[in-house]
N, C-alpha and C. Protein backbone atom coordinates (compact mmCIF):
# COMPACT_ATOMS: atom_id res chain seq x y z
N MET A 1 -20.91 -5.31 -18.69
CA MET A 1 -19.91 -4.49 -18.86
C MET A 1 -18.76 -4.39 -19.21
N GLU A 2 -17.69 -3.50 -20.04
CA GLU A 2 -16.63 -3.89 -20.60
C GLU A 2 -15.97 -4.39 -19.44
N ASP A 3 -14.65 -4.95 -19.68
CA ASP A 3 -13.72 -5.32 -18.93
C ASP A 3 -13.17 -3.51 -18.45
N GLU A 4 -12.95 -3.03 -17.65
CA GLU A 4 -11.91 -1.95 -17.15
C GLU A 4 -10.80 -2.01 -16.63
N ILE A 5 -9.55 -1.68 -17.10
CA ILE A 5 -8.38 -2.05 -16.50
C ILE A 5 -7.90 -0.55 -15.50
N ALA A 6 -7.79 -0.77 -14.77
CA ALA A 6 -7.48 0.02 -13.69
C ALA A 6 -6.21 1.20 -13.92
N PRO A 7 -6.34 2.34 -14.59
CA PRO A 7 -5.06 3.10 -14.81
C PRO A 7 -4.33 3.81 -13.58
N VAL A 8 -3.25 3.38 -13.37
CA VAL A 8 -2.73 4.17 -12.56
C VAL A 8 -2.03 5.67 -13.43
N LEU A 9 -2.16 6.77 -12.03
CA LEU A 9 -1.85 7.86 -12.77
C LEU A 9 -0.39 8.48 -12.53
N ALA A 10 0.63 7.41 -13.21
CA ALA A 10 1.93 7.73 -12.96
C ALA A 10 2.45 8.81 -13.90
N ASP A 11 1.71 8.82 -14.60
CA ASP A 11 2.10 9.64 -15.95
C ASP A 11 1.88 11.39 -15.17
N PRO A 12 3.26 12.25 -14.95
CA PRO A 12 2.65 13.24 -14.04
C PRO A 12 1.65 14.66 -14.69
N GLY A 13 1.32 14.13 -16.41
CA GLY A 13 0.79 15.09 -16.90
C GLY A 13 -0.69 14.96 -16.56
N ARG A 14 -1.38 13.44 -16.73
CA ARG A 14 -2.40 13.07 -16.21
C ARG A 14 -2.74 13.19 -14.76
N LEU A 15 -1.62 13.50 -14.09
CA LEU A 15 -2.01 13.55 -12.66
C LEU A 15 -2.50 15.13 -12.39
N LYS A 16 -1.42 15.89 -13.12
CA LYS A 16 -1.96 17.13 -13.26
C LYS A 16 -3.36 17.68 -13.98
N ALA A 17 -3.65 16.98 -14.71
CA ALA A 17 -4.52 17.30 -14.94
C ALA A 17 -5.63 17.45 -14.00
N LEU A 18 -5.78 16.46 -13.30
CA LEU A 18 -6.47 15.98 -12.35
C LEU A 18 -6.34 17.08 -10.92
N SER A 19 -5.20 17.69 -10.79
CA SER A 19 -4.95 18.51 -9.89
C SER A 19 -5.72 19.94 -9.77
N HIS A 20 -6.36 20.03 -11.11
CA HIS A 20 -7.33 21.28 -11.09
C HIS A 20 -8.90 21.54 -10.38
N PRO A 21 -9.16 22.10 -9.79
CA PRO A 21 -10.36 21.80 -9.42
C PRO A 21 -11.52 22.45 -10.23
N LEU A 22 -11.42 23.33 -11.41
CA LEU A 22 -12.72 22.85 -12.25
C LEU A 22 -12.44 21.88 -12.99
N ARG A 23 -11.63 21.56 -13.50
CA ARG A 23 -11.18 20.10 -14.30
C ARG A 23 -11.97 18.72 -13.20
N ARG A 24 -11.82 18.93 -12.13
CA ARG A 24 -12.49 17.82 -11.27
C ARG A 24 -13.73 18.23 -10.90
N ARG A 25 -14.40 19.35 -11.43
CA ARG A 25 -16.00 19.58 -11.14
C ARG A 25 -16.74 19.42 -12.92
N ILE A 26 -15.82 19.35 -13.40
CA ILE A 26 -16.04 19.08 -14.93
C ILE A 26 -16.81 17.80 -15.01
N LEU A 27 -15.19 16.80 -14.58
CA LEU A 27 -15.50 15.21 -14.70
C LEU A 27 -16.36 14.80 -13.87
N HIS A 28 -16.86 15.76 -12.67
CA HIS A 28 -17.73 15.17 -12.01
C HIS A 28 -19.25 15.18 -12.53
N ARG A 29 -19.41 16.35 -13.21
CA ARG A 29 -20.74 16.53 -14.02
C ARG A 29 -20.70 15.84 -15.20
N LEU A 30 -20.11 15.67 -15.84
CA LEU A 30 -20.06 14.62 -17.11
C LEU A 30 -20.76 13.24 -16.72
N GLY A 31 -19.75 12.59 -15.67
CA GLY A 31 -19.73 11.08 -15.03
C GLY A 31 -21.29 11.22 -14.49
N THR A 32 -21.77 12.18 -13.75
CA THR A 32 -22.97 12.00 -12.91
C THR A 32 -24.25 12.64 -13.88
N HIS A 33 -23.88 13.26 -14.75
CA HIS A 33 -25.29 13.44 -15.80
C HIS A 33 -25.18 13.77 -17.30
N GLY A 34 -23.77 12.73 -17.58
CA GLY A 34 -23.75 12.59 -19.13
C GLY A 34 -23.19 13.54 -19.83
N PRO A 35 -23.22 13.25 -21.30
CA PRO A 35 -22.58 13.91 -21.73
C PRO A 35 -23.30 15.82 -21.83
N ALA A 36 -22.44 16.67 -22.04
CA ALA A 36 -22.59 17.89 -22.49
C ALA A 36 -21.85 18.86 -23.35
N THR A 37 -22.50 19.77 -23.32
CA THR A 37 -20.90 20.72 -24.22
C THR A 37 -20.22 21.43 -23.20
N SER A 38 -19.49 22.65 -23.96
CA SER A 38 -19.22 23.09 -23.21
C SER A 38 -19.93 24.41 -22.59
N THR A 39 -20.98 24.96 -23.66
CA THR A 39 -21.79 25.94 -23.12
C THR A 39 -22.36 25.63 -22.06
N THR A 40 -23.12 24.49 -21.91
CA THR A 40 -23.84 23.58 -20.63
C THR A 40 -23.20 23.53 -19.90
N LEU A 41 -21.98 23.11 -19.69
CA LEU A 41 -21.18 23.05 -18.60
C LEU A 41 -20.79 24.42 -17.84
N GLY A 42 -20.62 24.93 -18.86
CA GLY A 42 -19.99 26.88 -18.35
C GLY A 42 -21.35 26.93 -17.83
N ALA A 43 -22.53 27.27 -17.98
CA ALA A 43 -23.73 27.57 -17.29
C ALA A 43 -23.93 26.92 -16.24
N TYR A 44 -23.96 25.63 -16.18
CA TYR A 44 -24.01 25.22 -15.05
C TYR A 44 -22.55 25.33 -13.91
N LEU A 45 -21.59 25.23 -14.11
CA LEU A 45 -20.45 25.71 -13.46
C LEU A 45 -20.18 27.17 -13.20
N GLY A 46 -20.76 27.85 -13.98
CA GLY A 46 -20.66 29.43 -13.74
C GLY A 46 -19.42 30.23 -14.45
N GLU A 47 -19.08 29.03 -15.42
CA GLU A 47 -18.24 29.77 -16.01
C GLU A 47 -18.21 29.96 -17.30
N SER A 48 -16.90 30.71 -18.10
CA SER A 48 -17.54 31.14 -19.88
C SER A 48 -17.23 29.75 -20.56
N THR A 49 -17.71 29.65 -21.51
CA THR A 49 -17.44 28.64 -22.56
C THR A 49 -16.22 28.48 -22.73
N GLY A 50 -15.15 29.59 -22.98
CA GLY A 50 -13.81 29.54 -23.15
C GLY A 50 -13.10 28.73 -22.08
N THR A 51 -13.42 28.99 -21.11
CA THR A 51 -12.63 28.65 -20.08
C THR A 51 -13.14 27.15 -19.83
N THR A 52 -14.42 26.63 -20.37
CA THR A 52 -14.44 25.25 -19.68
C THR A 52 -14.20 24.58 -21.11
N SER A 53 -14.32 24.84 -22.29
CA SER A 53 -13.83 24.73 -23.32
C SER A 53 -12.17 24.50 -23.77
N TYR A 54 -11.16 25.23 -23.16
CA TYR A 54 -9.71 25.04 -22.64
C TYR A 54 -9.86 23.64 -21.45
N HIS A 55 -10.31 23.79 -20.74
CA HIS A 55 -10.39 22.75 -19.70
C HIS A 55 -10.68 20.95 -20.04
N LEU A 56 -11.89 21.16 -21.11
CA LEU A 56 -12.24 20.36 -21.72
C LEU A 56 -11.06 19.47 -22.34
N ARG A 57 -10.37 20.24 -23.69
CA ARG A 57 -9.34 20.24 -24.12
C ARG A 57 -7.99 19.37 -23.33
N GLN A 58 -7.77 20.19 -22.40
CA GLN A 58 -7.24 19.18 -21.24
C GLN A 58 -7.10 18.13 -21.11
N LEU A 59 -8.61 17.76 -20.67
CA LEU A 59 -8.89 16.61 -20.25
C LEU A 59 -9.02 15.57 -21.12
N GLU A 60 -9.54 16.17 -22.78
CA GLU A 60 -9.18 14.90 -23.65
C GLU A 60 -7.61 14.97 -23.72
N ARG A 61 -6.88 15.54 -23.89
CA ARG A 61 -5.21 15.50 -24.05
C ARG A 61 -5.06 14.46 -23.31
N TYR A 62 -5.40 14.17 -21.86
CA TYR A 62 -4.60 12.95 -21.13
C TYR A 62 -5.76 11.84 -21.08
N GLY A 63 -7.01 11.97 -22.14
CA GLY A 63 -7.49 10.71 -22.07
C GLY A 63 -8.73 10.80 -20.80
N PHE A 64 -9.57 11.48 -20.41
CA PHE A 64 -10.02 11.55 -19.34
C PHE A 64 -11.49 11.95 -20.01
N VAL A 65 -11.87 12.75 -20.73
CA VAL A 65 -12.92 12.74 -21.37
C VAL A 65 -13.04 12.78 -23.03
N GLU A 66 -13.92 12.43 -24.18
CA GLU A 66 -13.82 12.14 -25.20
C GLU A 66 -14.92 13.13 -25.87
N ASP A 67 -14.80 13.25 -27.33
CA ASP A 67 -15.48 13.71 -28.00
C ASP A 67 -17.07 12.77 -28.13
N VAL A 68 -18.24 12.95 -28.54
CA VAL A 68 -19.58 12.09 -28.59
C VAL A 68 -19.81 12.58 -30.25
N PRO A 69 -19.09 11.74 -31.05
CA PRO A 69 -19.35 12.34 -32.65
C PRO A 69 -20.70 11.99 -33.20
N GLU A 70 -21.78 11.38 -32.54
CA GLU A 70 -23.05 11.49 -32.91
C GLU A 70 -23.85 12.13 -32.60
N ARG A 71 -23.51 13.09 -31.47
CA ARG A 71 -24.27 14.37 -31.25
C ARG A 71 -23.64 15.45 -31.86
N SER A 72 -22.09 15.69 -31.91
CA SER A 72 -21.36 16.83 -31.94
C SER A 72 -21.73 16.95 -33.84
N GLY A 73 -21.78 18.56 -33.97
CA GLY A 73 -22.23 18.71 -35.16
C GLY A 73 -21.72 20.55 -35.39
N GLY A 74 -20.89 20.88 -36.33
CA GLY A 74 -20.62 22.09 -36.51
C GLY A 74 -20.05 22.64 -35.55
N ARG A 75 -20.34 24.02 -35.09
CA ARG A 75 -19.38 24.48 -33.62
C ARG A 75 -19.62 23.72 -32.54
N GLU A 76 -21.21 23.19 -32.57
CA GLU A 76 -21.52 22.14 -31.12
C GLU A 76 -20.48 20.91 -31.17
N ARG A 77 -19.59 20.92 -29.98
CA ARG A 77 -18.98 19.71 -29.67
C ARG A 77 -19.66 19.30 -28.45
N TRP A 78 -19.64 17.93 -28.15
CA TRP A 78 -20.67 17.48 -26.77
C TRP A 78 -19.16 16.48 -26.82
N TRP A 79 -19.42 16.40 -25.11
CA TRP A 79 -18.00 15.72 -24.29
C TRP A 79 -18.82 14.99 -23.82
N ARG A 80 -18.10 13.47 -23.58
CA ARG A 80 -18.18 12.80 -22.15
C ARG A 80 -17.52 11.96 -21.51
N SER A 81 -17.52 11.75 -20.50
CA SER A 81 -16.39 10.90 -19.52
C SER A 81 -15.70 10.10 -20.48
N ALA A 82 -14.59 9.56 -20.50
CA ALA A 82 -13.70 8.41 -21.37
C ALA A 82 -14.01 7.15 -20.81
N PRO A 83 -14.21 6.19 -21.39
CA PRO A 83 -14.74 4.81 -20.82
C PRO A 83 -13.06 4.29 -20.35
N GLY A 84 -13.63 3.77 -19.03
CA GLY A 84 -11.89 3.19 -18.48
C GLY A 84 -11.69 3.56 -17.01
N HIS A 85 -12.36 4.85 -16.88
CA HIS A 85 -11.92 5.73 -15.84
C HIS A 85 -12.89 5.57 -14.43
N ARG A 86 -13.34 4.46 -14.36
CA ARG A 86 -14.46 4.31 -12.98
C ARG A 86 -13.41 3.94 -11.58
N ASP A 87 -12.31 4.01 -12.01
CA ASP A 87 -11.28 3.18 -10.95
C ASP A 87 -9.97 3.87 -11.08
N LEU A 88 -9.25 5.42 -10.63
CA LEU A 88 -8.35 5.28 -11.25
C LEU A 88 -7.39 5.12 -9.93
N ARG A 89 -6.42 4.91 -10.14
CA ARG A 89 -5.35 4.51 -9.19
C ARG A 89 -4.15 5.63 -8.71
N MET A 90 -3.85 5.88 -7.46
CA MET A 90 -2.77 7.08 -7.50
C MET A 90 -1.53 6.06 -7.83
N PRO A 91 -0.36 6.63 -8.05
CA PRO A 91 0.88 6.59 -8.13
C PRO A 91 1.22 6.25 -6.79
N ALA A 92 2.34 5.38 -6.53
CA ALA A 92 3.33 5.02 -5.43
C ALA A 92 4.22 6.17 -5.24
N PRO A 93 3.86 7.20 -3.72
CA PRO A 93 4.76 8.56 -4.17
C PRO A 93 6.21 8.14 -4.43
N GLU A 94 7.05 7.19 -4.35
CA GLU A 94 8.32 6.91 -4.12
C GLU A 94 8.34 6.58 -6.10
N THR A 95 7.48 6.07 -6.77
CA THR A 95 7.71 5.93 -8.44
C THR A 95 7.77 7.26 -8.65
N LEU A 96 7.09 8.24 -8.29
CA LEU A 96 7.40 9.82 -9.20
C LEU A 96 8.77 10.23 -8.58
N PRO A 97 9.06 11.19 -9.73
CA PRO A 97 10.17 12.20 -9.58
C PRO A 97 9.89 12.83 -8.38
N GLU A 98 10.81 13.73 -7.45
CA GLU A 98 10.82 14.26 -6.79
C GLU A 98 9.92 15.62 -6.88
N GLU A 99 9.97 15.98 -7.96
CA GLU A 99 9.32 17.55 -8.44
C GLU A 99 8.06 17.82 -8.62
N ASP A 100 7.39 15.81 -8.97
CA ASP A 100 6.23 15.88 -8.99
C ASP A 100 5.15 15.11 -8.18
N ARG A 101 5.81 14.98 -6.98
CA ARG A 101 5.69 14.69 -5.65
C ARG A 101 4.31 15.64 -5.00
N PRO A 102 4.55 16.77 -5.34
CA PRO A 102 3.53 18.15 -4.93
C PRO A 102 2.20 18.17 -5.41
N VAL A 103 2.43 17.84 -6.67
CA VAL A 103 1.04 17.14 -7.76
C VAL A 103 0.05 16.00 -6.86
N LEU A 104 0.98 14.96 -6.71
CA LEU A 104 0.08 14.02 -6.04
C LEU A 104 -0.33 14.76 -4.92
N GLU A 105 0.36 15.13 -4.14
CA GLU A 105 -0.16 15.60 -2.87
C GLU A 105 -1.65 16.56 -3.05
N GLU A 106 -1.53 17.22 -4.24
CA GLU A 106 -2.68 18.40 -4.23
C GLU A 106 -3.48 17.41 -4.69
N VAL A 107 -3.46 16.63 -5.30
CA VAL A 107 -4.88 15.55 -6.29
C VAL A 107 -5.37 14.96 -4.69
N LEU A 108 -4.31 14.29 -3.82
CA LEU A 108 -5.03 13.84 -2.82
C LEU A 108 -5.49 15.01 -1.63
N ARG A 109 -5.08 15.62 -1.90
CA ARG A 109 -5.85 16.97 -1.19
C ARG A 109 -6.96 17.12 -1.48
N LEU A 110 -6.93 17.42 -2.80
CA LEU A 110 -8.34 17.57 -3.41
C LEU A 110 -9.53 16.72 -3.24
N GLY A 111 -9.06 15.43 -3.67
CA GLY A 111 -9.74 14.13 -3.20
C GLY A 111 -10.21 13.83 -1.91
N HIS A 112 -9.55 14.10 -0.97
CA HIS A 112 -10.05 14.19 0.40
C HIS A 112 -11.16 15.02 0.87
N ALA A 113 -10.80 16.46 0.59
CA ALA A 113 -12.05 17.54 0.39
C ALA A 113 -13.47 17.10 0.20
N GLU A 114 -13.14 16.44 -1.01
CA GLU A 114 -14.56 15.87 -1.69
C GLU A 114 -15.06 14.77 -0.75
N ASP A 115 -14.19 14.35 -0.63
CA ASP A 115 -14.78 12.93 0.12
C ASP A 115 -15.28 13.40 1.41
N MET A 116 -14.50 14.57 2.27
CA MET A 116 -15.01 14.70 3.60
C MET A 116 -16.60 15.67 3.06
N ALA A 117 -16.90 16.39 2.42
CA ALA A 117 -17.68 17.00 1.91
C ALA A 117 -18.87 15.76 1.78
N LEU A 118 -18.93 14.85 1.40
CA LEU A 118 -19.74 13.94 1.23
C LEU A 118 -19.78 13.08 2.13
N LEU A 119 -18.70 12.87 3.18
CA LEU A 119 -19.14 12.29 4.45
C LEU A 119 -20.31 13.35 5.36
N GLY A 120 -19.47 14.59 5.13
CA GLY A 120 -20.67 15.35 6.22
C GLY A 120 -22.21 15.69 5.61
N ARG A 121 -22.63 14.98 4.55
CA ARG A 121 -24.19 14.94 4.07
C ARG A 121 -24.27 13.65 4.48
N LEU A 122 -23.63 12.39 5.08
CA LEU A 122 -24.22 10.57 5.05
C LEU A 122 -25.49 11.27 6.32
N PRO A 123 -25.24 11.78 7.00
CA PRO A 123 -26.32 11.47 8.49
C PRO A 123 -27.68 12.08 7.87
N ASP A 124 -27.82 13.03 7.41
CA ASP A 124 -28.89 13.56 6.67
C ASP A 124 -29.45 12.83 5.52
N GLU A 125 -28.39 12.13 5.04
CA GLU A 125 -28.76 11.75 4.00
C GLU A 125 -29.47 10.33 3.90
N TYR A 126 -28.76 9.70 5.11
CA TYR A 126 -29.24 8.34 5.67
C TYR A 126 -30.54 8.05 6.51
N LEU A 127 -30.55 9.53 7.13
CA LEU A 127 -32.12 9.63 7.90
C LEU A 127 -33.19 9.77 6.57
N LYS A 128 -32.69 10.72 5.23
CA LYS A 128 -34.25 10.96 4.29
C LYS A 128 -34.19 10.14 3.40
N ASP A 129 -33.17 9.23 2.67
CA ASP A 129 -33.56 8.55 1.75
C ASP A 129 -32.80 7.43 2.20
N ARG A 130 -33.19 6.25 2.69
CA ARG A 130 -32.54 5.42 3.58
C ARG A 130 -31.84 4.16 2.68
N ALA A 131 -32.49 4.17 1.14
CA ALA A 131 -32.46 3.36 0.29
C ALA A 131 -31.22 3.23 -0.48
N TRP A 132 -30.79 4.75 -0.63
CA TRP A 132 -29.74 5.00 -1.19
C TRP A 132 -28.16 5.49 -0.46
N ALA A 133 -28.88 5.62 0.98
CA ALA A 133 -27.59 6.23 1.54
C ALA A 133 -27.20 4.86 1.96
N LEU A 134 -26.54 4.04 2.07
CA LEU A 134 -25.88 2.82 3.03
C LEU A 134 -24.78 3.03 3.56
N LEU A 135 -24.18 2.42 4.50
CA LEU A 135 -23.19 2.17 5.14
C LEU A 135 -22.67 1.05 5.82
N SER A 136 -21.44 1.15 6.25
CA SER A 136 -21.42 -0.10 7.27
C SER A 136 -19.55 0.25 7.38
N ARG A 137 -19.52 -0.04 8.60
CA ARG A 137 -18.03 0.41 9.61
C ARG A 137 -17.76 -1.39 10.00
N GLY A 138 -16.73 -1.54 9.08
CA GLY A 138 -15.82 -2.41 9.69
C GLY A 138 -14.70 -2.79 10.41
N PHE A 139 -14.44 -3.48 10.93
CA PHE A 139 -13.27 -3.76 11.49
C PHE A 139 -12.52 -5.58 11.31
N THR A 140 -11.46 -5.71 10.85
CA THR A 140 -11.07 -7.32 10.80
C THR A 140 -9.50 -7.25 10.69
N ARG A 141 -9.09 -8.42 10.58
CA ARG A 141 -7.54 -8.81 10.68
C ARG A 141 -7.09 -9.19 9.31
N MET A 142 -6.25 -8.71 8.35
CA MET A 142 -5.98 -9.28 7.21
C MET A 142 -4.58 -9.08 7.27
N THR A 143 -4.07 -10.06 5.94
CA THR A 143 -2.52 -10.05 5.63
C THR A 143 -2.70 -9.00 4.36
N GLU A 144 -1.12 -8.67 3.94
CA GLU A 144 -1.48 -7.45 3.02
C GLU A 144 -1.56 -7.93 1.45
N GLN A 145 -1.67 -9.19 1.31
CA GLN A 145 -1.84 -9.82 0.48
C GLN A 145 -3.80 -10.14 0.35
N GLY A 146 -4.20 -10.44 1.19
CA GLY A 146 -5.72 -10.27 1.52
C GLY A 146 -6.25 -9.26 1.66
N LEU A 147 -6.06 -7.99 1.75
CA LEU A 147 -6.03 -7.22 1.76
C LEU A 147 -6.32 -6.13 0.13
N ALA A 148 -5.25 -6.64 -0.46
CA ALA A 148 -5.31 -6.45 -1.49
C ALA A 148 -6.21 -6.83 -2.35
N ASP A 149 -6.42 -8.45 -2.46
CA ASP A 149 -7.44 -9.21 -2.90
C ASP A 149 -8.82 -8.84 -2.87
N PHE A 150 -8.81 -8.55 -1.25
CA PHE A 150 -10.46 -8.05 -0.95
C PHE A 150 -10.62 -6.56 -1.70
N PHE A 151 -9.87 -5.44 -2.05
CA PHE A 151 -9.95 -4.45 -2.81
C PHE A 151 -10.29 -4.26 -4.12
N GLU A 152 -9.30 -5.73 -4.76
CA GLU A 152 -9.57 -6.58 -6.08
C GLU A 152 -11.22 -6.64 -6.45
N ALA A 153 -11.69 -7.23 -5.73
CA ALA A 153 -13.19 -7.85 -5.23
C ALA A 153 -14.06 -7.06 -5.40
N TYR A 154 -13.60 -5.95 -4.56
CA TYR A 154 -14.46 -4.73 -4.69
C TYR A 154 -14.78 -3.96 -5.88
N ILE A 155 -13.52 -3.79 -6.32
CA ILE A 155 -13.21 -3.38 -7.39
C ILE A 155 -14.66 -4.02 -8.81
N ARG A 156 -14.45 -4.94 -8.87
CA ARG A 156 -14.95 -5.75 -9.29
C ARG A 156 -16.26 -5.97 -9.46
N LEU A 157 -17.11 -5.88 -7.95
CA LEU A 157 -18.52 -5.83 -8.05
C LEU A 157 -18.69 -4.56 -8.65
N LEU A 158 -17.79 -3.22 -8.23
CA LEU A 158 -18.46 -2.09 -8.38
C LEU A 158 -18.70 -1.88 -9.85
N HIS A 159 -17.56 -2.45 -10.55
CA HIS A 159 -17.60 -2.88 -12.42
C HIS A 159 -19.19 -3.38 -12.50
N GLU A 160 -19.18 -4.50 -11.88
CA GLU A 160 -20.30 -5.47 -12.41
C GLU A 160 -21.77 -4.90 -11.96
N HIS A 161 -22.02 -4.03 -11.17
CA HIS A 161 -22.86 -3.64 -10.80
C HIS A 161 -23.28 -2.04 -11.19
N GLY A 162 -22.28 -1.47 -11.34
CA GLY A 162 -22.20 0.42 -12.06
C GLY A 162 -22.44 0.08 -13.36
N LEU A 163 -23.68 1.33 -13.57
CA LEU A 163 -23.40 1.41 -15.09
C LEU A 163 -22.94 3.22 -15.54
N SER A 164 -22.65 2.97 -16.62
CA SER A 164 -22.51 4.41 -17.12
C SER A 164 -23.81 5.39 -16.74
N ALA A 165 -23.37 6.47 -17.36
CA ALA A 165 -24.67 7.40 -17.54
C ALA A 165 -25.27 7.30 -18.79
N GLU A 166 -24.64 6.40 -19.85
CA GLU A 166 -25.49 6.17 -21.21
C GLU A 166 -26.19 5.18 -20.75
N GLU A 167 -25.47 3.84 -20.35
CA GLU A 167 -26.17 2.57 -20.16
C GLU A 167 -27.61 2.57 -19.13
N ALA A 168 -27.23 3.69 -18.21
CA ALA A 168 -28.49 3.48 -17.08
C ALA A 168 -30.00 3.58 -17.24
N PRO A 169 -30.81 2.52 -16.80
CA PRO A 169 -32.32 3.17 -17.17
C PRO A 169 -32.55 3.99 -16.26
N PRO A 170 -33.77 4.71 -16.50
CA PRO A 170 -34.36 5.91 -15.82
C PRO A 170 -34.48 5.78 -14.52
N ASP A 171 -34.43 4.29 -13.93
CA ASP A 171 -34.48 4.38 -12.27
C ASP A 171 -33.49 4.16 -11.89
N ALA A 172 -32.32 4.78 -12.20
CA ALA A 172 -31.12 4.78 -11.82
C ALA A 172 -30.81 5.93 -11.17
N ARG A 173 -29.76 5.69 -10.55
CA ARG A 173 -29.46 7.03 -9.53
C ARG A 173 -27.81 7.24 -9.68
N PRO A 174 -27.17 8.26 -9.84
CA PRO A 174 -25.81 8.44 -9.62
C PRO A 174 -25.76 8.39 -8.06
N VAL A 175 -24.85 7.60 -7.89
CA VAL A 175 -24.43 7.17 -6.38
C VAL A 175 -22.96 7.30 -6.19
N HIS A 176 -22.57 7.93 -5.11
CA HIS A 176 -21.21 8.37 -4.53
C HIS A 176 -20.70 7.02 -3.67
N ILE A 177 -19.66 6.03 -4.06
CA ILE A 177 -19.04 5.21 -3.42
C ILE A 177 -17.49 5.23 -3.06
N ARG A 178 -17.60 5.08 -1.88
CA ARG A 178 -16.23 5.31 -1.49
C ARG A 178 -15.70 4.33 -0.54
N LEU A 179 -14.34 3.49 -0.84
CA LEU A 179 -13.58 2.56 0.03
C LEU A 179 -12.49 3.15 0.17
N PHE A 180 -11.89 3.02 1.45
CA PHE A 180 -10.76 3.42 1.58
C PHE A 180 -10.46 2.24 3.09
N THR A 181 -9.18 2.25 3.44
CA THR A 181 -8.78 1.47 4.54
C THR A 181 -7.40 1.93 5.50
N VAL A 182 -7.60 1.99 6.47
CA VAL A 182 -6.64 2.76 7.22
C VAL A 182 -6.34 1.97 8.10
N PRO A 183 -4.76 1.71 8.51
CA PRO A 183 -4.42 0.54 9.41
C PRO A 183 -4.49 0.93 10.73
N ALA A 184 -5.07 0.10 11.65
CA ALA A 184 -5.55 0.29 13.09
C ALA A 184 -4.22 0.83 13.71
N GLY A 185 -4.39 1.82 14.68
CA GLY A 185 -3.25 2.14 15.50
C GLY A 185 -3.44 2.12 16.81
N GLU A 186 -2.61 2.34 18.29
CA GLU A 186 -2.90 1.87 19.18
C GLU A 186 -3.71 2.84 19.75
N ASP A 187 -3.87 4.09 19.18
CA ASP A 187 -4.55 5.28 19.64
C ASP A 187 -5.73 5.30 19.24
N ASP A 188 -6.33 4.62 18.56
CA ASP A 188 -7.63 4.63 17.77
C ASP A 188 -8.56 4.90 18.96
N PRO A 189 -9.70 6.01 18.55
CA PRO A 189 -10.75 5.58 19.48
C PRO A 189 -11.36 4.43 19.57
N GLU A 190 -11.76 3.94 20.75
CA GLU A 190 -12.47 2.83 20.39
C GLU A 190 -14.06 3.22 20.05
N ASP A 191 -14.43 2.35 19.10
CA ASP A 191 -15.92 2.99 18.80
C ASP A 191 -16.82 1.57 18.48
N GLY A 192 -16.77 0.70 19.35
CA GLY A 192 -17.68 -0.06 19.76
C GLY A 192 -17.91 -1.80 18.73
N THR A 193 -16.51 -1.93 17.43
CA THR A 193 -16.79 -2.78 16.70
C THR A 193 -15.89 -3.91 17.38
N ASP A 194 -16.38 -4.98 16.70
CA ASP A 194 -15.62 -6.22 17.19
C ASP A 194 -14.19 -6.06 17.03
N ARG A 195 -13.23 -6.03 17.94
CA ARG A 195 -12.09 -6.34 17.80
C ARG A 195 -11.07 -7.77 17.38
N ASP A 196 -12.08 -8.77 17.48
CA ASP A 196 -11.64 -10.05 17.31
C ASP A 196 -11.85 -10.52 15.66
N GLY A 197 -12.22 -9.53 14.87
CA GLY A 197 -12.77 -9.38 13.45
C GLY A 197 -13.86 -10.30 13.58
């Protein structure tokens, strides 16, 4: 797999492009199922071809999708996720102008809602399809640099083992993978994990 540099969404325009729910659904569909036309995306998402075409052009403008030249011809234009967007980093709030911070908040809110929906599916998926629904709950102590190094090592593993829709063999499946860290607080509920790390 090619090396991918994790782009930080510091450009307010790029960040705003991801703050629209339909654009997020388009990106998810392309990432999960591979290339599509505005017509097929519109049919799947319940939107008009004109609407999906508009949002695809906005996503293209900010580098999230690209044309598939070998499949496009005449009036039919095929789209795919642009390479290099498997690991998008949110900017630090203090690096954004005050007027752009609500856009960051909206992108974080939408992502949180999507992640909570996935988390809600976990118990059923774990019981139904154990080979594909894996989970781990961890607790440890780290330095700030140690945590940053751990995070980057995790991303390297994701790139090493992950495949794009175009390069995946027939037995590969799309898999949602999330990693987040939250510092422990004094009022955290006891969960039975080893507090000594």
